[in-house]
Amino acid sequence: MTAEFDSLLPELKEFSIPDVPFKVVDPTALPERTCATFNEFMTSSSVPGAFCVYSHDYSRFCNLVRKGEITIP
């Protein structure tokens, strides 16, 4: 199961954006199924830009998937 999680939940490189207090990641490289599920997870969330999300939001998403609380179809 770990190998499947590794392919569904790749590590994304954190970076900073001026005037944004937290590190961000670019989720556009996520696998298609993961991206769709992550986009649903992020619905109604505050994000710093159209191309990135807070790193802690992606980490939380990954933890919830690994715990089985979110399923990637």
PDB file of N, CA and C in Angstrom:
ATOM      1  N   MET A   1       0.813  -1.194   0.000  1.00  0.00           N
ATOM      2  CA  MET A   1       0.000   0.000   0.000  1.00  0.00           C
ATOM      3  C   MET A   1       0.859   1.261   0.000  1.00  0.00           C
ATOM      4  N   THR A   2       2.037   1.174   0.614  1.00  0.00           N
ATOM      5  CA  THR A   2       2.915   2.340   0.663  1.00  0.00           C
ATOM      6  C   THR A   2       3.339   2.766  -0.732  1.00  0.00           C
ATOM      7  N   ALA A   3       3.651   1.798  -1.601  1.00  0.00           N
ATOM      8  CA  ALA A   3       4.055   2.133  -2.971  1.00  0.00           C
ATOM      9  C   ALA A   3       2.927   2.840  -3.707  1.00  0.00           C
ATOM     10  N   GLU A   4       1.689   2.384  -3.467  1.00  0.00           N
ATOM     11  CA  GLU A   4       0.553   3.037  -4.113  1.00  0.00           C
ATOM     12  C   GLU A   4       0.407   4.470  -3.598  1.00  0.00           C
ATOM     13  N   PHE A   5       0.545   4.662  -2.281  1.00  0.00           N
ATOM     14  CA  PHE A   5       0.472   6.014  -1.733  1.00  0.00           C
ATOM     15  C   PHE A   5       1.589   6.887  -2.304  1.00  0.00           C
ATOM     16  N   ASP A   6       2.781   6.317  -2.450  1.00  0.00           N
ATOM     17  CA  ASP A   6       3.902   7.089  -2.987  1.00  0.00           C
ATOM     18  C   ASP A   6       3.611   7.586  -4.401  1.00  0.00           C
ATOM     19  N   SER A   7       2.937   6.781  -5.207  1.00  0.00           N
ATOM     20  CA  SER A   7       2.639   7.209  -6.571  1.00  0.00           C
ATOM     21  C   SER A   7       1.442   8.163  -6.612  1.00  0.00           C
ATOM     22  N   LEU A   8       0.478   7.967  -5.707  1.00  0.00           N
ATOM     23  CA  LEU A   8      -0.698   8.839  -5.677  1.00  0.00           C
ATOM     24  C   LEU A   8      -0.424  10.166  -4.979  1.00  0.00           C
ATOM     25  N   LEU A   9       0.520  10.163  -4.040  1.00  0.00           N
ATOM     26  CA  LEU A   9       0.791  11.342  -3.216  1.00  0.00           C
ATOM     27  C   LEU A   9       2.271  11.734  -3.309  1.00  0.00           C
ATOM     28  N   PRO A  10       2.689  12.226  -4.467  1.00  0.00           N
ATOM     29  CA  PRO A  10       4.112  12.571  -4.608  1.00  0.00           C
ATOM     30  C   PRO A  10       4.501  13.735  -3.702  1.00  0.00           C
ATOM     31  N   GLU A  11       5.769  13.753  -3.350  1.00  0.00           N
ATOM     32  CA  GLU A  11       6.289  14.876  -2.570  1.00  0.00           C
ATOM     33  C   GLU A  11       6.389  16.090  -3.489  1.00  0.00           C
ATOM     34  N   LEU A  12       5.839  17.192  -3.055  1.00  0.00           N
ATOM     35  CA  LEU A  12       5.882  18.423  -3.835  1.00  0.00           C
ATOM     36  C   LEU A  12       6.868  19.390  -3.179  1.00  0.00           C
ATOM     37  N   LYS A  13       7.652  20.048  -3.995  1.00  0.00           N
ATOM     38  CA  LYS A  13       8.665  20.971  -3.488  1.00  0.00           C
ATOM     39  C   LYS A  13       8.017  22.251  -2.952  1.00  0.00           C
ATOM     40  N   GLU A  14       8.375  22.584  -1.727  1.00  0.00           N
ATOM     41  CA  GLU A  14       7.873  23.808  -1.107  1.00  0.00           C
ATOM     42  C   GLU A  14       8.659  25.015  -1.619  1.00  0.00           C
ATOM     43  N   PHE A  15       7.970  26.148  -1.715  1.00  0.00           N
ATOM     44  CA  PHE A  15       8.637  27.399  -2.053  1.00  0.00           C
ATOM     45  C   PHE A  15       7.885  28.545  -1.398  1.00  0.00           C
ATOM     46  N   SER A  16       8.480  29.704  -1.447  1.00  0.00           N
ATOM     47  CA  SER A  16       7.883  30.889  -0.829  1.00  0.00           C
ATOM     48  C   SER A  16       7.413  31.853  -1.903  1.00  0.00           C
ATOM     49  N   ILE A  17       6.391  32.610  -1.549  1.00  0.00           N
ATOM     50  CA  ILE A  17       5.875  33.684  -2.401  1.00  0.00           C
ATOM     51  C   ILE A  17       5.923  34.952  -1.545  1.00  0.00           C
ATOM     52  N   PRO A  18       6.378  36.067  -2.113  1.00  0.00           N
ATOM     53  CA  PRO A  18       6.422  37.309  -1.343  1.00  0.00           C
ATOM     54  C   PRO A  18       5.054  37.632  -0.730  1.00  0.00           C
ATOM     55  N   ASP A  19       5.064  38.071   0.492  1.00  0.00           N
ATOM     56  CA  ASP A  19       3.876  38.491   1.236  1.00  0.00           C
ATOM     57  C   ASP A  19       2.902  37.351   1.550  1.00  0.00           C
ATOM     58  N   VAL A  20       3.340  36.115   1.410  1.00  0.00           N
ATOM     59  CA  VAL A  20       2.531  34.957   1.811  1.00  0.00           C
ATOM     60  C   VAL A  20       3.228  34.343   3.023  1.00  0.00           C
ATOM     61  N   PRO A  21       2.517  34.225   4.137  1.00  0.00           N
ATOM     62  CA  PRO A  21       3.176  33.837   5.383  1.00  0.00           C
ATOM     63  C   PRO A  21       3.607  32.375   5.479  1.00  0.00           C
ATOM     64  N   PHE A  22       3.067  31.497   4.650  1.00  0.00           N
ATOM     65  CA  PHE A  22       3.376  30.073   4.730  1.00  0.00           C
ATOM     66  C   PHE A  22       4.012  29.581   3.435  1.00  0.00           C
ATOM     67  N   LYS A  23       4.725  28.482   3.526  1.00  0.00           N
ATOM     68  CA  LYS A  23       5.278  27.844   2.325  1.00  0.00           C
ATOM     69  C   LYS A  23       4.124  27.327   1.469  1.00  0.00           C
ATOM     70  N   VAL A  24       4.350  27.255   0.166  1.00  0.00           N
ATOM     71  CA  VAL A  24       3.345  26.775  -0.776  1.00  0.00           C
ATOM     72  C   VAL A  24       3.936  25.667  -1.641  1.00  0.00           C
ATOM     73  N   VAL A  25       3.049  24.944  -2.332  1.00  0.00           N
ATOM     74  CA  VAL A  25       3.450  23.924  -3.297  1.00  0.00           C
ATOM     75  C   VAL A  25       2.604  24.097  -4.557  1.00  0.00           C
ATOM     76  N   ASP A  26       3.111  23.573  -5.654  1.00  0.00           N
ATOM     77  CA  ASP A  26       2.402  23.624  -6.928  1.00  0.00           C
ATOM     78  C   ASP A  26       1.789  22.241  -7.186  1.00  0.00           C
ATOM     79  N   PRO A  27       0.463  22.103  -7.067  1.00  0.00           N
ATOM     80  CA  PRO A  27      -0.171  20.801  -7.223  1.00  0.00           C
ATOM     81  C   PRO A  27      -0.461  20.404  -8.673  1.00  0.00           C
ATOM     82  N   THR A  28      -0.048  21.210  -9.637  1.00  0.00           N
ATOM     83  CA  THR A  28      -0.396  20.917 -11.034  1.00  0.00           C
ATOM     84  C   THR A  28       0.271  19.648 -11.566  1.00  0.00           C
ATOM     85  N   ALA A  29       1.315  19.171 -10.908  1.00  0.00           N
ATOM     86  CA  ALA A  29       2.006  17.958 -11.357  1.00  0.00           C
ATOM     87  C   ALA A  29       1.431  16.687 -10.719  1.00  0.00           C
ATOM     88  N   LEU A  30       0.389  16.828  -9.907  1.00  0.00           N
ATOM     89  CA  LEU A  30      -0.203  15.646  -9.276  1.00  0.00           C
ATOM     90  C   LEU A  30      -0.826  14.726 -10.328  1.00  0.00           C
ATOM     91  N   PRO A  31      -0.848  13.421 -10.054  1.00  0.00           N
ATOM     92  CA  PRO A  31      -1.558  12.508 -10.954  1.00  0.00           C
ATOM     93  C   PRO A  31      -3.019  12.954 -11.095  1.00  0.00           C
ATOM     94  N   GLU A  32      -3.627  12.662 -12.213  1.00  0.00           N
ATOM     95  CA  GLU A  32      -4.966  13.156 -12.541  1.00  0.00           C
ATOM     96  C   GLU A  32      -6.000  12.836 -11.450  1.00  0.00           C
ATOM     97  N   ARG A  33      -6.030  11.602 -10.988  1.00  0.00           N
ATOM     98  CA  ARG A  33      -7.019  11.206  -9.966  1.00  0.00           C
ATOM     99  C   ARG A  33      -6.758  11.931  -8.651  1.00  0.00           C
ATOM    100  N   THR A  34      -5.496  12.055  -8.294  1.00  0.00           N
ATOM    101  CA  THR A  34      -5.137  12.752  -7.059  1.00  0.00           C
ATOM    102  C   THR A  34      -5.509  14.225  -7.167  1.00  0.00           C
ATOM    103  N   CYS A  35      -5.229  14.815  -8.302  1.00  0.00           N
ATOM    104  CA  CYS A  35      -5.520  16.233  -8.514  1.00  0.00           C
ATOM    105  C   CYS A  35      -7.018  16.506  -8.385  1.00  0.00           C
ATOM    106  N   ALA A  36      -7.839  15.657  -8.983  1.00  0.00           N
ATOM    107  CA  ALA A  36      -9.289  15.837  -8.909  1.00  0.00           C
ATOM    108  C   ALA A  36      -9.780  15.728  -7.464  1.00  0.00           C
ATOM    109  N   THR A  37      -9.277  14.751  -6.733  1.00  0.00           N
ATOM    110  CA  THR A  37      -9.673  14.565  -5.336  1.00  0.00           C
ATOM    111  C   THR A  37      -9.160  15.715  -4.480  1.00  0.00           C
ATOM    112  N   PHE A  38      -7.934  16.161  -4.731  1.00  0.00           N
ATOM    113  CA  PHE A  38      -7.373  17.283  -3.983  1.00  0.00           C
ATOM    114  C   PHE A  38      -8.160  18.555  -4.257  1.00  0.00           C
ATOM    115  N   ASN A  39      -8.537  18.789  -5.507  1.00  0.00           N
ATOM    116  CA  ASN A  39      -9.324  19.985  -5.840  1.00  0.00           C
ATOM    117  C   ASN A  39     -10.652  19.984  -5.090  1.00  0.00           C
ATOM    118  N   GLU A  40     -11.266  18.820  -4.987  1.00  0.00           N
ATOM    119  CA  GLU A  40     -12.516  18.705  -4.232  1.00  0.00           C
ATOM    120  C   GLU A  40     -12.261  19.001  -2.749  1.00  0.00           C
ATOM    121  N   PHE A  41     -11.168  18.469  -2.215  1.00  0.00           N
ATOM    122  CA  PHE A  41     -10.785  18.711  -0.824  1.00  0.00           C
ATOM    123  C   PHE A  41     -10.580  20.208  -0.569  1.00  0.00           C
ATOM    124  N   MET A  42     -10.020  20.905  -1.537  1.00  0.00           N
ATOM    125  CA  MET A  42      -9.684  22.325  -1.369  1.00  0.00           C
ATOM    126  C   MET A  42     -10.848  23.264  -1.686  1.00  0.00           C
ATOM    127  N   THR A  43     -11.984  22.746  -2.109  1.00  0.00           N
ATOM    128  CA  THR A  43     -13.132  23.587  -2.414  1.00  0.00           C
ATOM    129  C   THR A  43     -13.451  24.469  -1.215  1.00  0.00           C
ATOM    130  N   SER A  44     -13.634  25.725  -1.458  1.00  0.00           N
ATOM    131  CA  SER A  44     -13.955  26.735  -0.440  1.00  0.00           C
ATOM    132  C   SER A  44     -12.789  27.091   0.468  1.00  0.00           C
ATOM    133  N   SER A  45     -11.590  26.637   0.141  1.00  0.00           N
ATOM    134  CA  SER A  45     -10.427  26.996   0.947  1.00  0.00           C
ATOM    135  C   SER A  45      -9.786  28.263   0.408  1.00  0.00           C
ATOM    136  N   SER A  46      -9.086  28.928   1.263  1.00  0.00           N
ATOM    137  CA  SER A  46      -8.334  30.111   0.866  1.00  0.00           C
ATOM    138  C   SER A  46      -6.984  29.664   0.325  1.00  0.00           C
ATOM    139  N   VAL A  47      -6.624  30.122  -0.851  1.00  0.00           N
ATOM    140  CA  VAL A  47      -5.331  29.769  -1.433  1.00  0.00           C
ATOM    141  C   VAL A  47      -4.599  31.040  -1.836  1.00  0.00           C
ATOM    142  N   PRO A  48      -3.262  31.024  -1.801  1.00  0.00           N
ATOM    143  CA  PRO A  48      -2.498  32.237  -2.092  1.00  0.00           C
ATOM    144  C   PRO A  48      -2.410  32.599  -3.568  1.00  0.00           C
ATOM    145  N   GLY A  49      -2.695  31.677  -4.475  1.00  0.00           N
ATOM    146  CA  GLY A  49      -2.610  31.972  -5.895  1.00  0.00           C
ATOM    147  C   GLY A  49      -3.281  30.892  -6.702  1.00  0.00           C
ATOM    148  N   ALA A  50      -3.493  31.152  -7.983  1.00  0.00           N
ATOM    149  CA  ALA A  50      -4.192  30.197  -8.836  1.00  0.00           C
ATOM    150  C   ALA A  50      -3.359  28.947  -9.129  1.00  0.00           C
ATOM    151  N   PHE A  51      -2.055  29.017  -8.936  1.00  0.00           N
ATOM    152  CA  PHE A  51      -1.181  27.904  -9.300  1.00  0.00           C
ATOM    153  C   PHE A  51      -0.591  27.184  -8.096  1.00  0.00           C
ATOM    154  N   CYS A  52      -0.927  27.614  -6.891  1.00  0.00           N
ATOM    155  CA  CYS A  52      -0.301  26.997  -5.728  1.00  0.00           C
ATOM    156  C   CYS A  52      -1.266  26.931  -4.554  1.00  0.00           C
ATOM    157  N   VAL A  53      -0.912  26.089  -3.597  1.00  0.00           N
ATOM    158  CA  VAL A  53      -1.696  25.938  -2.371  1.00  0.00           C
ATOM    159  C   VAL A  53      -0.713  25.923  -1.204  1.00  0.00           C
ATOM    160  N   TYR A  54      -1.241  26.164  -0.030  1.00  0.00           N
ATOM    161  CA  TYR A  54      -0.388  26.088   1.146  1.00  0.00           C
ATOM    162  C   TYR A  54       0.132  24.665   1.325  1.00  0.00           C
ATOM    163  N   SER A  55       1.382  24.565   1.644  1.00  0.00           N
ATOM    164  CA  SER A  55       2.021  23.274   1.861  1.00  0.00           C
ATOM    165  C   SER A  55       1.317  22.474   2.952  1.00  0.00           C
ATOM    166  N   HIS A  56       0.895  23.163   4.010  1.00  0.00           N
ATOM    167  CA  HIS A  56       0.238  22.444   5.107  1.00  0.00           C
ATOM    168  C   HIS A  56      -1.116  21.869   4.682  1.00  0.00           C
ATOM    169  N   ASP A  57      -1.787  22.484   3.710  1.00  0.00           N
ATOM    170  CA  ASP A  57      -3.044  21.921   3.206  1.00  0.00           C
ATOM    171  C   ASP A  57      -2.783  20.625   2.443  1.00  0.00           C
ATOM    172  N   TYR A  58      -1.729  20.613   1.636  1.00  0.00           N
ATOM    173  CA  TYR A  58      -1.391  19.388   0.911  1.00  0.00           C
ATOM    174  C   TYR A  58      -0.959  18.292   1.886  1.00  0.00           C
ATOM    175  N   SER A  59      -0.191  18.649   2.900  1.00  0.00           N
ATOM    176  CA  SER A  59       0.236  17.670   3.907  1.00  0.00           C
ATOM    177  C   SER A  59      -0.964  17.085   4.636  1.00  0.00           C
ATOM    178  N   ARG A  60      -1.910  17.922   4.987  1.00  0.00           N
ATOM    179  CA  ARG A  60      -3.127  17.449   5.666  1.00  0.00           C
ATOM    180  C   ARG A  60      -3.898  16.497   4.762  1.00  0.00           C
ATOM    181  N   PHE A  61      -4.034  16.865   3.494  1.00  0.00           N
ATOM    182  CA  PHE A  61      -4.704  16.006   2.516  1.00  0.00           C
ATOM    183  C   PHE A  61      -4.013  14.643   2.454  1.00  0.00           C
ATOM    184  N   CYS A  62      -2.694  14.632   2.346  1.00  0.00           N
ATOM    185  CA  CYS A  62      -1.944  13.373   2.276  1.00  0.00           C
ATOM    186  C   CYS A  62      -2.177  12.525   3.521  1.00  0.00           C
ATOM    187  N   ASN A  63      -2.160  13.152   4.683  1.00  0.00           N
ATOM    188  CA  ASN A  63      -2.397  12.419   5.931  1.00  0.00           C
ATOM    189  C   ASN A  63      -3.794  11.811   5.959  1.00  0.00           C
ATOM    190  N   LEU A  64      -4.792  12.553   5.511  1.00  0.00           N
ATOM    191  CA  LEU A  64      -6.156  12.034   5.500  1.00  0.00           C
ATOM    192  C   LEU A  64      -6.315  10.881   4.513  1.00  0.00           C
ATOM    193  N   VAL A  65      -5.624  10.938   3.392  1.00  0.00           N
ATOM    194  CA  VAL A  65      -5.662   9.828   2.432  1.00  0.00           C
ATOM    195  C   VAL A  65      -5.012   8.602   3.060  1.00  0.00           C
ATOM    196  N   ARG A  66      -3.854   8.770   3.661  1.00  0.00           N
ATOM    197  CA  ARG A  66      -3.154   7.637   4.283  1.00  0.00           C
ATOM    198  C   ARG A  66      -3.960   7.019   5.434  1.00  0.00           C
ATOM    199  N   LYS A  67      -4.734   7.836   6.150  1.00  0.00           N
ATOM    200  CA  LYS A  67      -5.567   7.334   7.244  1.00  0.00           C
ATOM    201  C   LYS A  67      -6.857   6.666   6.742  1.00  0.00           C
ATOM    202  N   GLY A  68      -7.159   6.858   5.453  1.00  0.00           N
ATOM    203  CA  GLY A  68      -8.377   6.277   4.894  1.00  0.00           C
ATOM    204  C   GLY A  68      -9.598   7.172   5.015  1.00  0.00           C
ATOM    205  N   GLU A  69      -9.410   8.415   5.469  1.00  0.00           N
ATOM    206  CA  GLU A  69     -10.532   9.333   5.616  1.00  0.00           C
ATOM    207  C   GLU A  69     -10.918   9.985   4.289  1.00  0.00           C
ATOM    208  N   ILE A  70      -9.996   9.984   3.335  1.00  0.00           N
ATOM    209  CA  ILE A  70     -10.261  10.443   1.964  1.00  0.00           C
ATOM    210  C   ILE A  70      -9.816   9.317   1.043  1.00  0.00           C
ATOM    211  N   THR A  71     -10.663   9.007   0.066  1.00  0.00           N
ATOM    212  CA  THR A  71     -10.334   7.958  -0.898  1.00  0.00           C
ATOM    213  C   THR A  71     -10.118   8.587  -2.256  1.00  0.00           C
ATOM    214  N   ILE A  72      -9.058   8.197  -2.909  1.00  0.00           N
ATOM    215  CA  ILE A  72      -8.783   8.639  -4.278  1.00  0.00           C
ATOM    216  C   ILE A  72      -9.311   7.534  -5.199  1.00  0.00           C
ATOM    217  N   PRO A  73     -10.371   7.843  -5.936  1.00  0.00           N
ATOM    218  CA  PRO A  73     -10.985   6.786  -6.779  1.00  0.00           C
ATOM    219  C   PRO A  73     -10.077   6.301  -7.900  1.00  0.00           C
TER     220      PRO A  73
END
